[in-house]
Protein backbone atom coordinates (compact mmCIF):
# COMPACT_ATOMS: atom_id res chain seq x y z
CA UNK A 1 26.86 8.61 -5.83
CA UNK A 2 25.02 5.64 -4.35
CA UNK A 3 27.02 2.69 -3.13
CA UNK A 4 27.02 -0.54 -5.13
CA UNK A 5 24.74 -2.18 -2.54
CA UNK A 6 22.23 0.69 -2.75
CA UNK A 7 22.17 0.49 -6.56
CA UNK A 8 21.46 -3.25 -6.52
CA UNK A 9 18.60 -3.11 -4.01
CA UNK A 10 15.25 -3.50 -5.78
CA UNK A 11 12.93 -0.51 -6.05
CA UNK A 12 9.43 -1.78 -5.42
CA UNK A 13 6.16 0.14 -5.79
CA UNK A 14 3.08 -1.43 -4.22
CA UNK A 15 -0.44 -0.27 -5.09
CA UNK A 16 -3.29 -1.57 -2.94
CA UNK A 17 -6.86 -0.68 -3.88
CA UNK A 18 -8.97 -0.83 -0.69
CA UNK A 19 -12.64 -0.53 0.14
CA UNK A 20 -14.10 -1.02 3.60
CA UNK A 21 -10.91 -2.71 4.87
CA UNK A 22 -10.72 -1.08 8.32
CA UNK A 23 -10.61 -4.44 9.99
CA UNK A 24 -7.53 -5.58 8.00
CA UNK A 25 -5.55 -2.44 7.26
CA UNK A 26 -3.52 -2.16 10.49
CA UNK A 27 -2.29 -5.76 10.20
CA UNK A 28 -1.43 -5.24 6.53
CA UNK A 29 0.54 -2.07 7.30
CA UNK A 30 2.32 -3.77 10.21
CA UNK A 31 3.23 -6.63 7.88
CA UNK A 32 4.59 -4.34 5.17
CA UNK A 33 6.60 -2.33 7.71
CA UNK A 34 8.13 -5.55 9.09
CA UNK A 35 9.54 -6.67 5.73
CA UNK A 36 13.31 -6.78 5.30
CA UNK A 37 13.05 -4.87 2.02
CA UNK A 38 10.35 -2.23 2.16
CA UNK A 39 8.86 -0.80 -1.00
CA UNK A 40 10.10 2.55 -2.25
CA UNK A 41 6.45 3.59 -2.11
CA UNK A 42 3.16 2.01 -1.16
CA UNK A 43 0.09 3.73 -2.57
CA UNK A 44 -3.11 2.78 -0.77
CA UNK A 45 -6.04 3.75 -2.99
CA UNK A 46 -9.23 4.13 -0.96
CA UNK A 47 -12.23 3.45 -3.21
CA UNK A 48 -14.97 5.28 -1.33
CA UNK A 49 -14.90 3.26 1.88
CA UNK A 50 -17.84 3.76 4.21
CA UNK A 51 -15.83 2.67 7.27
CA UNK A 52 -12.63 4.06 8.86
CA UNK A 53 -10.27 2.66 6.20
CA UNK A 54 -9.11 6.06 4.94
CA UNK A 55 -8.63 7.56 8.40
CA UNK A 56 -6.63 4.56 9.61
CA UNK A 57 -4.46 4.48 6.48
CA UNK A 58 -3.77 8.23 6.67
CA UNK A 59 -2.85 8.03 10.36
CA UNK A 60 -0.44 5.18 9.67
CA UNK A 61 0.99 6.95 6.60
CA UNK A 62 2.02 9.86 8.82
CA UNK A 63 4.20 7.37 10.76
CA UNK A 64 6.17 6.26 7.67
CA UNK A 65 8.08 7.74 4.78
CA UNK A 66 6.81 5.36 2.11
CA UNK A 67 3.01 5.03 2.52
CA UNK A 68 0.76 7.36 0.53
CA UNK A 69 -3.05 7.39 0.59
CA UNK A 70 -5.19 8.41 -2.38
CA UNK A 71 -8.94 8.84 -1.83
CA UNK A 72 -11.20 8.13 -4.81
CA UNK A 73 -14.99 8.45 -4.96
CA UNK A 74 -17.06 5.30 -4.58
CA UNK A 75 -16.64 3.41 -7.87
CA UNK A 76 -18.56 0.36 -6.69
CA UNK A 77 -15.48 -1.84 -6.22
CA UNK A 78 -11.79 -1.83 -5.42
CA UNK A 79 -9.61 -1.06 -8.41
CA UNK A 80 -6.28 0.44 -9.39
CA UNK A 81 -6.93 3.93 -10.79
CA UNK A 82 -6.60 4.15 -14.57
CA UNK A 83 -3.67 6.57 -14.25
CA UNK A 84 -1.72 3.93 -12.26
CA UNK A 85 -2.62 0.88 -14.36
CA UNK A 86 0.10 -0.84 -16.39
CA UNK A 87 1.17 -4.39 -17.27
CA UNK A 88 3.64 -4.23 -14.35
CA UNK A 89 0.93 -3.47 -11.76
CA UNK A 90 -0.33 -6.39 -9.73
CA UNK A 91 -2.88 -5.18 -7.18
CA UNK A 92 -2.58 -6.58 -3.67
CA UNK A 93 -5.41 -7.34 -1.30
CA UNK A 94 -4.96 -6.39 2.32
CA UNK A 95 -6.22 -9.80 3.41
CA UNK A 96 -3.14 -11.27 1.70
CA UNK A 97 -0.57 -9.59 3.90
CA UNK A 98 2.78 -11.24 4.38
CA UNK A 99 4.27 -12.52 7.62
CA UNK A 100 7.33 -10.59 8.88
CA UNK A 101 10.64 -11.42 7.21
CA UNK A 102 13.04 -13.56 9.21
């Protein structure tokens, strides 16, 4: 059974729709990895990027146990896929990455 501390730690799921974010994605991933409490899972949804966004995200996902990349066809904009949408989902933008926890 999990310890009391493990049971009380929040389970966070982050979903980030991305499109042509190659210039920001490494910094965003570095920022997320530097947080004191990492998400249980981070789903990066690539919306048909024409740059190296998907390749960079997939390479970085192989370095972690919590990042997952989903490629979607070009839908004309960044968006959370319908199958992941819910009132609890608040999409993040990679340009809004957080500084490391202290």
